N, C-alpha and C. Protein backbone atom coordinates (compact mmCIF):
# COMPACT_ATOMS: atom_id res chain seq x y z
N UNK A 1 -26.73 -34.77 -29.87
CA UNK A 1 -26.38 -35.82 -29.09
C UNK A 1 -25.68 -35.17 -28.12
N UNK A 2 -24.49 -34.27 -28.41
CA UNK A 2 -23.71 -33.70 -27.48
C UNK A 2 -24.29 -32.41 -27.01
N UNK A 3 -25.48 -31.96 -27.54
CA UNK A 3 -26.22 -30.77 -26.84
C UNK A 3 -26.79 -31.47 -25.38
N UNK A 4 -27.16 -32.63 -25.48
CA UNK A 4 -27.72 -33.15 -23.77
C UNK A 4 -27.00 -32.98 -22.70
N UNK A 5 -25.59 -33.34 -22.81
CA UNK A 5 -24.38 -33.10 -21.76
C UNK A 5 -24.30 -31.51 -21.81
N UNK A 6 -24.30 -30.62 -22.50
CA UNK A 6 -24.06 -29.42 -22.57
C UNK A 6 -25.11 -28.65 -21.72
N UNK A 7 -26.13 -28.85 -21.94
CA UNK A 7 -27.72 -28.44 -21.47
C UNK A 7 -27.56 -29.13 -19.79
N UNK A 8 -27.22 -30.09 -19.60
CA UNK A 8 -27.07 -30.67 -18.17
C UNK A 8 -26.29 -30.05 -17.50
N UNK A 9 -25.24 -29.66 -17.89
CA UNK A 9 -24.28 -28.62 -17.38
C UNK A 9 -24.70 -27.57 -17.23
N UNK A 10 -25.08 -26.99 -18.07
CA UNK A 10 -25.85 -25.34 -18.13
C UNK A 10 -26.74 -25.46 -17.03
N UNK A 11 -27.80 -26.39 -16.80
CA UNK A 11 -28.78 -26.48 -15.87
C UNK A 11 -28.20 -26.51 -14.58
N UNK A 12 -26.90 -27.34 -14.49
CA UNK A 12 -26.60 -27.43 -13.05
C UNK A 12 -25.96 -26.42 -12.54
N UNK A 13 -25.18 -25.53 -13.54
CA UNK A 13 -24.43 -24.29 -13.36
C UNK A 13 -25.56 -23.34 -12.93
N UNK A 14 -26.77 -23.15 -13.71
CA UNK A 14 -27.98 -22.14 -13.30
C UNK A 14 -28.42 -22.44 -11.95
N UNK A 15 -28.78 -23.65 -11.87
CA UNK A 15 -29.14 -24.04 -10.36
C UNK A 15 -28.06 -23.69 -9.19
N UNK A 16 -26.77 -23.81 -9.30
CA UNK A 16 -25.97 -23.38 -8.66
C UNK A 16 -26.09 -21.91 -8.19
N UNK A 17 -26.17 -21.21 -9.19
CA UNK A 17 -26.18 -19.86 -9.23
C UNK A 17 -27.34 -19.01 -8.42
N UNK A 18 -28.20 -20.06 -8.39
CA UNK A 18 -29.61 -19.09 -7.91
C UNK A 18 -29.57 -18.68 -6.70
N UNK A 19 -30.21 -17.85 -6.31
CA UNK A 19 -30.53 -17.44 -4.78
C UNK A 19 -30.67 -18.52 -3.69
N UNK A 20 -30.30 -18.26 -2.75
CA UNK A 20 -30.59 -19.66 -1.63
C UNK A 20 -32.02 -19.73 -1.43
N UNK A 21 -32.76 -20.44 -1.15
CA UNK A 21 -34.17 -20.32 -0.61
C UNK A 21 -34.43 -19.93 0.88
N UNK A 22 -35.21 -19.15 0.88
CA UNK A 22 -35.48 -18.65 2.32
C UNK A 22 -34.84 -17.19 2.21
N UNK A 23 -34.09 -16.96 1.42
CA UNK A 23 -33.56 -15.53 1.45
C UNK A 23 -34.69 -14.47 1.07
N UNK A 24 -34.46 -13.26 1.62
CA UNK A 24 -35.28 -12.28 1.26
C UNK A 24 -34.87 -10.97 0.72
N UNK A 25 -34.04 -11.30 -0.29
CA UNK A 25 -33.52 -9.84 -0.82
C UNK A 25 -34.27 -9.21 -2.04
N UNK A 26 -34.75 -8.06 -1.58
CA UNK A 26 -35.61 -7.16 -2.51
C UNK A 26 -35.01 -6.39 -3.30
N UNK A 27 -34.42 -7.15 -4.51
CA UNK A 27 -33.43 -5.98 -5.25
C UNK A 27 -34.07 -6.33 -6.66
N UNK A 28 -33.78 -5.33 -7.57
CA UNK A 28 -33.96 -5.25 -8.85
C UNK A 28 -33.21 -6.55 -9.48
N UNK A 29 -33.77 -7.53 -10.17
CA UNK A 29 -33.17 -8.55 -10.53
C UNK A 29 -32.42 -8.17 -11.89
N UNK A 30 -31.09 -9.04 -12.04
CA UNK A 30 -30.41 -8.66 -13.72
C UNK A 30 -30.33 -10.05 -14.08
N UNK A 31 -30.89 -10.05 -15.33
CA UNK A 31 -30.93 -11.25 -15.97
C UNK A 31 -29.81 -11.57 -16.96
N UNK A 32 -29.33 -12.75 -17.05
CA UNK A 32 -28.11 -13.17 -18.01
C UNK A 32 -28.74 -14.19 -18.73
N UNK A 33 -28.29 -14.51 -20.03
CA UNK A 33 -28.53 -15.50 -20.83
C UNK A 33 -27.54 -16.44 -20.97
N UNK A 34 -27.60 -17.73 -21.39
CA UNK A 34 -26.46 -18.87 -21.45
C UNK A 34 -26.25 -18.95 -22.93
N UNK A 35 -25.00 -19.37 -23.52
CA UNK A 35 -24.73 -19.73 -24.90
C UNK A 35 -24.10 -20.74 -24.50
N UNK A 36 -24.43 -22.00 -25.78
CA UNK A 36 -23.57 -23.11 -25.79
C UNK A 36 -22.93 -23.22 -27.07
N UNK A 37 -21.91 -23.61 -26.97
CA UNK A 37 -20.98 -23.79 -28.07
C UNK A 37 -21.00 -25.13 -28.35
N UNK A 38 -21.52 -25.13 -29.87
CA UNK A 38 -21.52 -26.57 -30.38
C UNK A 38 -20.74 -26.51 -31.82
N UNK A 39 -19.58 -27.40 -31.91
CA UNK A 39 -18.57 -27.52 -32.60
C UNK A 39 -18.12 -26.12 -32.69
N UNK A 40 -18.02 -25.36 -33.65
CA UNK A 40 -17.47 -23.93 -34.26
C UNK A 40 -18.61 -22.88 -33.96
N UNK A 41 -19.62 -23.22 -34.00
CA UNK A 41 -20.98 -22.08 -33.68
C UNK A 41 -21.46 -22.08 -32.45
N UNK A 42 -21.76 -20.99 -31.88
CA UNK A 42 -22.18 -20.66 -30.70
C UNK A 42 -23.75 -20.75 -30.92
N UNK A 43 -24.63 -21.12 -30.21
CA UNK A 43 -25.92 -21.24 -30.19
C UNK A 43 -26.71 -20.66 -28.88
N UNK A 44 -27.62 -19.84 -28.98
CA UNK A 44 -28.20 -19.42 -27.43
C UNK A 44 -29.12 -20.72 -27.10
N UNK A 45 -28.92 -20.93 -25.59
CA UNK A 45 -29.94 -22.15 -25.31
C UNK A 45 -31.19 -21.32 -24.83
N UNK A 46 -32.20 -22.09 -25.16
CA UNK A 46 -33.68 -21.39 -24.89
C UNK A 46 -34.08 -21.67 -23.71
N UNK A 47 -34.55 -20.84 -23.08
CA UNK A 47 -34.98 -20.78 -21.72
C UNK A 47 -34.46 -20.98 -20.53
N UNK A 48 -32.82 -20.77 -20.67
CA UNK A 48 -31.89 -20.63 -19.53
C UNK A 48 -31.70 -19.29 -19.17
N UNK A 49 -31.70 -18.88 -18.00
CA UNK A 49 -31.67 -17.70 -17.70
C UNK A 49 -31.37 -17.53 -16.08
N UNK A 50 -30.53 -16.67 -15.40
CA UNK A 50 -30.58 -16.61 -13.87
C UNK A 50 -30.48 -15.25 -13.51
N UNK A 51 -31.11 -14.98 -12.25
CA UNK A 51 -31.49 -13.84 -11.63
C UNK A 51 -29.97 -13.73 -10.65
N UNK A 52 -29.58 -12.56 -10.84
CA UNK A 52 -28.51 -12.18 -10.03
C UNK A 52 -28.89 -10.77 -9.17
N UNK A 53 -28.91 -11.22 -7.69
CA UNK A 53 -29.38 -10.12 -6.84
C UNK A 53 -28.35 -9.05 -6.99
N UNK A 54 -28.73 -7.90 -6.65
CA UNK A 54 -27.66 -6.83 -6.43
C UNK A 54 -28.09 -6.39 -5.01
N UNK A 55 -26.93 -5.63 -4.67
CA UNK A 55 -27.17 -5.12 -3.16
C UNK A 55 -27.58 -3.95 -3.05
N UNK A 56 -28.72 -3.49 -2.12
CA UNK A 56 -29.34 -2.55 -2.05
C UNK A 56 -28.51 -1.70 -0.97
N UNK A 57 -28.10 -0.44 -1.59
CA UNK A 57 -27.21 0.36 -0.64
C UNK A 57 -27.76 0.88 0.78
N UNK A 58 -29.36 0.94 0.86
CA UNK A 58 -29.89 1.47 1.87
C UNK A 58 -29.91 0.20 2.88
N UNK A 59 -29.67 -1.00 2.72
CA UNK A 59 -30.14 -1.73 3.60
C UNK A 59 -28.73 -1.86 4.73
N UNK A 60 -28.95 -2.12 5.87
CA UNK A 60 -27.97 -2.16 7.02
C UNK A 60 -28.07 -3.66 7.41
N UNK A 61 -26.88 -3.77 7.92
CA UNK A 61 -26.64 -5.19 8.85
C UNK A 61 -27.09 -5.04 10.03
N UNK A 62 -27.07 -6.52 10.76
CA UNK A 62 -27.75 -6.62 11.79
C UNK A 62 -26.77 -5.69 12.97
N UNK A 63 -25.16 -5.96 12.73
CA UNK A 63 -24.46 -5.03 13.65
C UNK A 63 -24.59 -3.36 13.71
N UNK A 64 -24.94 -3.08 12.35
CA UNK A 64 -25.16 -1.60 12.22
C UNK A 64 -26.37 -1.06 13.09
N UNK A 65 -27.64 -2.13 12.78
CA UNK A 65 -28.98 -1.62 13.48
C UNK A 65 -28.46 -1.77 15.12
N UNK A 66 -27.62 -2.87 15.54
CA UNK A 66 -27.94 -2.77 17.11
C UNK A 66 -27.01 -1.70 17.47
N UNK A 67 -25.96 -1.44 16.75
CA UNK A 67 -25.00 -0.38 17.18
C UNK A 67 -25.51 1.29 16.60
N UNK A 68 -26.53 1.19 16.20
CA UNK A 68 -26.91 2.35 15.37
C UNK A 68 -26.05 3.28 14.58
N UNK A 69 -25.22 2.54 13.85
CA UNK A 69 -24.25 3.11 13.11
C UNK A 69 -25.08 3.35 11.89
N UNK A 70 -24.42 4.46 11.09
CA UNK A 70 -25.03 5.06 9.79
C UNK A 70 -23.66 4.85 8.77
N UNK A 71 -23.64 4.63 7.67
CA UNK A 71 -22.97 4.29 6.75
C UNK A 71 -21.69 5.60 6.45
N UNK A 72 -22.32 6.86 6.84
CA UNK A 72 -21.56 7.91 6.58
C UNK A 72 -20.59 7.99 7.88
N UNK A 73 -20.85 7.39 9.13
CA UNK A 73 -20.20 7.66 10.28
C UNK A 73 -18.96 6.84 9.83
N UNK A 74 -18.87 6.11 8.86
CA UNK A 74 -17.52 4.83 8.95
C UNK A 74 -16.74 5.75 8.09
N UNK A 75 -17.03 6.75 7.45
CA UNK A 75 -16.18 7.33 6.16
C UNK A 75 -15.17 7.89 6.92
N UNK A 76 -13.70 7.98 6.42
CA UNK A 76 -12.90 8.40 7.26
C UNK A 76 -12.67 10.01 7.02
N UNK A 77 -12.42 10.63 7.64
CA UNK A 77 -12.38 12.17 7.55
C UNK A 77 -11.16 12.91 7.90
N UNK A 78 -10.60 13.66 7.18
CA UNK A 78 -9.57 14.54 7.54
C UNK A 78 -9.60 15.54 8.46
N UNK A 79 -9.38 15.63 9.69
CA UNK A 79 -9.50 16.84 10.27
C UNK A 79 -8.07 17.41 10.89
N UNK A 80 -8.29 18.88 10.96
CA UNK A 80 -7.24 19.85 11.17
C UNK A 80 -5.98 19.66 10.20
N UNK A 81 -6.25 19.48 9.21
CA UNK A 81 -4.90 19.79 8.30
C UNK A 81 -5.13 21.09 7.38
N UNK A 82 -4.07 21.63 7.33
CA UNK A 82 -4.16 22.93 6.36
C UNK A 82 -2.93 22.79 5.31
N UNK A 83 -2.89 23.17 4.05
CA UNK A 83 -1.81 23.02 3.54
C UNK A 83 -0.79 23.77 3.52
N UNK A 84 0.62 23.48 3.47
CA UNK A 84 1.70 24.36 3.95
C UNK A 84 2.83 24.19 2.83
N UNK A 85 3.54 25.22 2.40
CA UNK A 85 4.51 25.05 1.41
C UNK A 85 5.66 24.20 2.06
N UNK A 86 6.71 23.81 1.21
CA UNK A 86 7.78 23.17 2.12
C UNK A 86 8.90 24.61 2.52
N UNK A 87 8.64 25.40 2.10
CA UNK A 87 9.40 26.77 3.18
C UNK A 87 8.91 26.92 3.99
N UNK A 88 7.44 26.99 4.46
CA UNK A 88 6.68 26.82 5.65
C UNK A 88 7.06 25.81 6.99
N UNK A 89 7.44 24.75 6.15
CA UNK A 89 7.22 23.38 6.81
C UNK A 89 8.09 23.47 8.24
N UNK A 90 7.52 22.92 9.28
CA UNK A 90 8.30 22.77 10.40
C UNK A 90 8.88 21.59 10.58
N UNK A 91 10.09 21.47 11.39
CA UNK A 91 10.81 19.96 11.45
C UNK A 91 9.85 18.98 11.95
N UNK A 92 9.96 17.98 11.56
CA UNK A 92 9.17 16.84 12.15
C UNK A 92 9.73 16.64 13.70
N UNK A 93 8.97 15.73 14.44
CA UNK A 93 9.50 15.58 15.68
C UNK A 93 10.71 14.95 15.94
N UNK A 94 11.45 15.03 16.68
CA UNK A 94 12.91 14.21 16.94
C UNK A 94 12.35 12.78 17.09
N UNK A 95 13.19 12.08 16.27
CA UNK A 95 12.97 10.40 16.32
C UNK A 95 14.05 9.74 17.21
N UNK A 96 13.51 8.54 17.53
CA UNK A 96 14.25 7.82 18.23
C UNK A 96 15.57 7.07 17.96
N UNK A 97 16.69 7.23 18.41
CA UNK A 97 17.89 6.70 17.94
C UNK A 97 17.82 5.22 18.24
N UNK A 98 17.93 4.28 17.61
CA UNK A 98 17.98 2.92 17.93
C UNK A 98 19.36 2.74 18.72
N UNK A 99 19.72 1.70 19.86
CA UNK A 99 20.96 1.72 20.56
C UNK A 99 21.95 1.30 19.42
N UNK A 100 22.97 1.90 20.14
CA UNK A 100 24.40 1.61 19.35
C UNK A 100 24.49 2.64 18.02
N UNK A 101 23.46 3.29 17.55
CA UNK A 101 23.60 4.36 16.49
C UNK A 101 24.05 5.55 16.74
N UNK A 102 24.12 5.99 17.95
CA UNK A 102 24.46 7.24 18.20
C UNK A 102 25.75 7.84 17.90
N UNK A 103 26.71 7.05 17.76
CA UNK A 103 28.11 7.52 17.35
C UNK A 103 27.92 7.89 15.70
N UNK A 104 26.90 6.92 15.18
CA UNK A 104 26.97 7.21 13.61
C UNK A 104 26.01 8.42 13.41
N UNK A 105 25.09 8.66 14.09
CA UNK A 105 24.14 9.70 14.17
C UNK A 105 25.11 11.07 14.24
N UNK A 106 25.92 11.14 15.12
CA UNK A 106 26.70 12.29 15.63
C UNK A 106 27.69 12.34 14.31
N UNK A 107 28.14 11.31 13.80
CA UNK A 107 29.16 11.50 12.69
C UNK A 107 28.05 12.39 11.45
N UNK A 108 26.87 11.74 11.13
CA UNK A 108 25.93 12.16 9.87
C UNK A 108 25.79 13.77 10.36
N UNK A 109 25.71 14.22 11.66
CA UNK A 109 24.94 15.26 11.96
C UNK A 109 26.22 16.42 11.98
N UNK A 110 27.38 15.78 11.96
CA UNK A 110 28.64 16.78 11.68
C UNK A 110 28.75 16.89 10.39
N UNK A 111 28.79 15.80 9.54
CA UNK A 111 29.15 16.11 8.18
C UNK A 111 27.96 17.06 7.62
N UNK A 112 26.71 17.09 8.06
CA UNK A 112 25.88 17.80 7.24
C UNK A 112 25.86 19.26 7.87
N UNK A 113 26.04 19.38 8.94
CA UNK A 113 26.55 20.50 9.69
C UNK A 113 27.60 21.43 8.75
N UNK A 114 28.75 20.67 8.39
CA UNK A 114 29.70 20.99 7.60
C UNK A 114 29.27 21.55 6.39
N UNK A 115 28.57 20.82 5.77
CA UNK A 115 28.15 21.00 4.47
C UNK A 115 27.12 22.05 3.96
N UNK A 116 26.50 22.41 5.21
CA UNK A 116 25.70 23.40 5.01
C UNK A 116 25.91 24.88 5.73
N UNK A 117 27.16 24.57 6.63
CA UNK A 117 27.61 25.79 7.00
C UNK A 117 26.76 26.11 8.36
N UNK A 118 26.08 25.21 8.90
CA UNK A 118 25.42 25.52 10.32
C UNK A 118 25.78 25.01 11.66
N UNK A 119 25.20 25.04 12.52
CA UNK A 119 25.69 24.65 13.87
C UNK A 119 25.04 23.06 13.92
N UNK A 120 25.62 22.27 14.64
CA UNK A 120 25.18 20.94 14.70
C UNK A 120 23.63 20.79 15.52
N UNK A 121 23.54 21.83 16.48
CA UNK A 121 22.35 21.90 17.07
C UNK A 121 21.27 22.21 16.30
N UNK A 122 21.57 22.96 15.22
CA UNK A 122 20.41 23.28 14.11
C UNK A 122 19.76 21.95 13.52
N UNK A 123 20.27 21.09 13.49
CA UNK A 123 19.80 19.84 12.99
C UNK A 123 18.93 18.88 13.85
N UNK A 124 18.04 18.52 13.31
CA UNK A 124 16.98 17.37 14.00
C UNK A 124 17.05 15.93 13.43
N UNK A 125 17.39 14.98 14.37
CA UNK A 125 17.32 13.57 13.60
C UNK A 125 15.74 13.41 13.80
N UNK A 126 15.40 12.81 12.48
CA UNK A 126 14.09 12.50 12.19
C UNK A 126 13.68 10.82 12.40
N UNK A 127 14.89 10.22 12.22
CA UNK A 127 14.91 8.74 12.19
C UNK A 127 16.46 8.33 12.28
N UNK A 128 16.58 6.91 12.88
CA UNK A 128 18.13 6.54 13.09
C UNK A 128 17.77 5.02 13.15
N UNK A 129 17.78 4.06 12.20
CA UNK A 129 17.44 2.63 12.41
C UNK A 129 18.62 1.72 11.72
N UNK A 130 18.83 0.75 12.37
CA UNK A 130 19.63 -0.43 11.83
C UNK A 130 18.75 -0.99 10.74
N UNK A 131 19.56 -1.34 9.69
CA UNK A 131 18.77 -1.96 8.62
C UNK A 131 19.88 -2.80 7.90
N UNK A 132 19.33 -4.09 6.80
CA UNK A 132 20.23 -4.88 6.06
C UNK A 132 19.97 -4.33 4.71
N UNK A 133 21.02 -3.85 4.10
CA UNK A 133 21.19 -3.24 2.74
C UNK A 133 20.84 -4.36 2.04
N UNK A 134 20.47 -4.45 0.54
CA UNK A 134 20.30 -5.67 -0.16
C UNK A 134 21.86 -6.12 -0.74
N UNK A 135 22.25 -4.83 -0.97
CA UNK A 135 23.82 -5.03 -1.87
C UNK A 135 25.02 -4.02 -1.42
N UNK A 136 26.19 -3.91 -1.84
CA UNK A 136 26.96 -2.94 -1.48
C UNK A 136 26.80 -1.64 -1.93
N UNK A 137 25.62 -1.30 -2.36
CA UNK A 137 25.31 0.00 -2.73
C UNK A 137 24.78 0.68 -1.57
N UNK A 138 24.47 -0.04 -0.52
CA UNK A 138 23.84 0.37 0.76
C UNK A 138 22.59 1.48 0.55
N UNK A 139 21.83 1.10 -0.51
CA UNK A 139 20.67 1.69 -0.60
C UNK A 139 20.70 2.97 -1.44
N UNK A 140 22.07 3.32 -2.06
CA UNK A 140 22.14 4.35 -2.71
C UNK A 140 23.06 4.32 -3.94
N UNK A 141 22.49 3.55 -4.79
CA UNK A 141 23.31 3.25 -6.12
C UNK A 141 23.33 4.06 -7.23
N UNK A 142 24.51 4.40 -7.47
CA UNK A 142 25.06 5.42 -8.60
C UNK A 142 25.03 4.89 -9.78
N UNK A 143 24.74 5.57 -10.86
CA UNK A 143 24.63 5.11 -12.13
C UNK A 143 26.09 4.56 -12.71
N UNK A 144 26.19 3.56 -13.59
CA UNK A 144 27.54 2.99 -13.93
C UNK A 144 28.42 2.49 -12.90
N UNK A 145 28.01 2.05 -11.71
CA UNK A 145 28.69 1.45 -10.59
C UNK A 145 28.04 0.30 -10.49
N UNK A 146 29.12 -0.94 -10.28
CA UNK A 146 28.82 -2.24 -9.80
C UNK A 146 28.92 -2.56 -8.50
N UNK A 147 28.01 -3.19 -7.64
CA UNK A 147 28.20 -3.44 -6.27
C UNK A 147 28.11 -4.56 -6.16
N UNK A 148 28.84 -5.12 -4.97
CA UNK A 148 28.67 -6.64 -4.71
C UNK A 148 27.37 -7.20 -4.13
N UNK A 149 26.93 -8.21 -4.50
CA UNK A 149 25.52 -8.65 -4.15
C UNK A 149 25.56 -9.57 -3.17
N UNK A 150 25.79 -8.99 -1.81
CA UNK A 150 25.71 -9.83 -0.58
C UNK A 150 24.73 -8.44 0.45
N UNK A 151 24.46 -9.48 1.38
CA UNK A 151 23.66 -8.47 2.23
C UNK A 151 24.66 -7.70 3.21
N UNK A 152 24.14 -6.60 3.47
CA UNK A 152 25.30 -5.41 4.37
C UNK A 152 24.51 -5.02 5.49
N UNK A 153 24.76 -5.33 6.49
CA UNK A 153 24.39 -4.68 7.84
C UNK A 153 24.82 -3.27 7.95
N UNK A 154 24.01 -2.36 8.14
CA UNK A 154 24.09 -0.93 8.32
C UNK A 154 22.95 -0.24 9.04
N UNK A 155 23.04 1.24 8.39
CA UNK A 155 22.05 2.24 9.43
C UNK A 155 21.62 3.10 8.04
N UNK A 156 20.36 3.61 8.43
CA UNK A 156 19.89 4.65 7.58
C UNK A 156 19.61 5.75 8.75
N UNK A 157 20.13 6.95 8.61
CA UNK A 157 19.64 7.92 9.37
C UNK A 157 19.16 9.28 8.69
N UNK A 158 18.07 9.72 8.99
CA UNK A 158 17.29 10.71 8.40
C UNK A 158 17.47 12.08 9.34
N UNK A 159 17.83 13.16 8.66
CA UNK A 159 18.27 14.27 9.45
C UNK A 159 17.20 15.47 8.71
N UNK A 160 16.73 16.33 9.83
CA UNK A 160 16.17 17.59 9.30
C UNK A 160 17.06 18.98 9.35
N UNK A 161 17.08 19.65 8.29
CA UNK A 161 17.95 21.01 8.30
C UNK A 161 17.27 21.74 7.04
N UNK A 162 17.13 23.11 7.33
CA UNK A 162 17.13 24.11 6.50
C UNK A 162 15.75 23.66 5.73
N UNK A 163 14.89 23.11 6.29
CA UNK A 163 13.64 22.96 5.65
C UNK A 163 13.21 21.72 4.65
N UNK A 164 14.35 20.93 4.91
CA UNK A 164 13.82 19.47 4.06
C UNK A 164 14.86 18.26 4.85
N UNK A 165 14.38 17.06 4.47
CA UNK A 165 15.29 16.00 5.03
C UNK A 165 16.51 15.65 4.14
N UNK A 166 17.36 15.03 5.07
CA UNK A 166 18.50 14.54 4.65
C UNK A 166 18.64 13.09 5.03
N UNK A 167 19.19 12.08 3.87
CA UNK A 167 19.03 10.87 4.15
C UNK A 167 20.71 10.30 4.02
N UNK A 168 21.13 9.75 5.35
CA UNK A 168 22.44 9.32 5.53
C UNK A 168 22.26 7.64 5.48
N UNK A 169 23.07 6.91 4.85
CA UNK A 169 23.51 5.60 4.84
C UNK A 169 24.92 5.08 4.91
N UNK A 170 24.86 4.14 6.04
CA UNK A 170 26.06 3.41 6.55
C UNK A 170 26.07 1.74 6.41
N UNK A 171 27.09 1.25 6.20
CA UNK A 171 27.22 -0.18 6.27
C UNK A 171 28.56 -0.76 6.09
N UNK A 172 28.91 -1.83 6.60
CA UNK A 172 29.86 -2.55 6.63
C UNK A 172 30.93 -1.91 7.00
N UNK A 173 32.05 -1.32 6.51
CA UNK A 173 32.89 -0.59 7.24
C UNK A 173 32.74 0.90 6.75
N UNK A 174 31.83 1.06 6.00
CA UNK A 174 31.84 2.71 5.45
C UNK A 174 30.89 3.56 6.47
N UNK A 175 31.31 4.67 6.78
CA UNK A 175 30.89 5.53 7.45
C UNK A 175 29.78 6.16 7.17
N UNK A 176 29.07 6.84 7.55
CA UNK A 176 27.76 7.74 7.21
C UNK A 176 28.13 8.33 6.26
N UNK A 177 27.12 8.22 5.06
CA UNK A 177 27.69 9.18 3.97
C UNK A 177 26.02 10.07 3.21
N UNK A 178 26.11 10.73 2.95
CA UNK A 178 24.68 11.69 2.33
C UNK A 178 24.44 10.75 1.10
N UNK A 179 23.33 10.43 1.19
CA UNK A 179 22.92 9.48 -0.28
C UNK A 179 22.08 10.82 -1.05
N UNK A 180 22.98 11.05 -2.25
CA UNK A 180 22.65 11.79 -3.31
C UNK A 180 22.61 11.24 -4.67
N UNK A 181 21.47 10.47 -4.87
CA UNK A 181 21.04 9.27 -5.93
C UNK A 181 21.16 10.20 -7.35
N UNK A 182 22.09 10.21 -8.29
CA UNK A 182 22.37 10.87 -9.28
C UNK A 182 21.44 10.31 -10.62
C-alpha cells in the first residue's frame, strides 16, 4: 500500500525531468534508474528510467552563428609576456597619490631612503591610498602583541626600490612605518 504513493512520486519526478516537447537535441542519451526505499530495504522500481540529454560541444548558439564566432576565438590568450627574474624586474609605473597623502608619502620615502642608504629620488611610488584598518595593528600585526579592536583611518603606501616593493602603513596618530611582519 505504501509503494503506490512512492511510485506516484517517482512518476511525477520522472515526468518533470523529461526533455521538453518540441526540443531537438541530438545527443547520446544517458539513462538512470530509480530506487524506492520501502521500510529498511531499497528496491529497484521496474520500468522507471529517464533520459538526460548531454550537451554536444560541436553545436553553436544562434548568437555565435550570427556573429560568426568560433569557440576557440573566445579563449583568452596571453600575448607579449616573457618571464623575468626579480633581479631584472623593472619598477612598476608611478602610482597616483590620493589627495592629502603627499606628506605621508614623503615621510615614507625619506625613511626608506635612510634604511637603504639611497637617494629619495631613486624610490618610486607604486600606490598611496587612504584605508580603514580593522584594528590597532594597522594591517601589520606582530606576534605576541594585543591591539585595540576599533576601526582606524589611515593610509597604505607601497614604494619600489632596489628591485622590490616596500609596504608602509600609517593610521591614527602613527606616522608611516615599514610593515615587516614577523
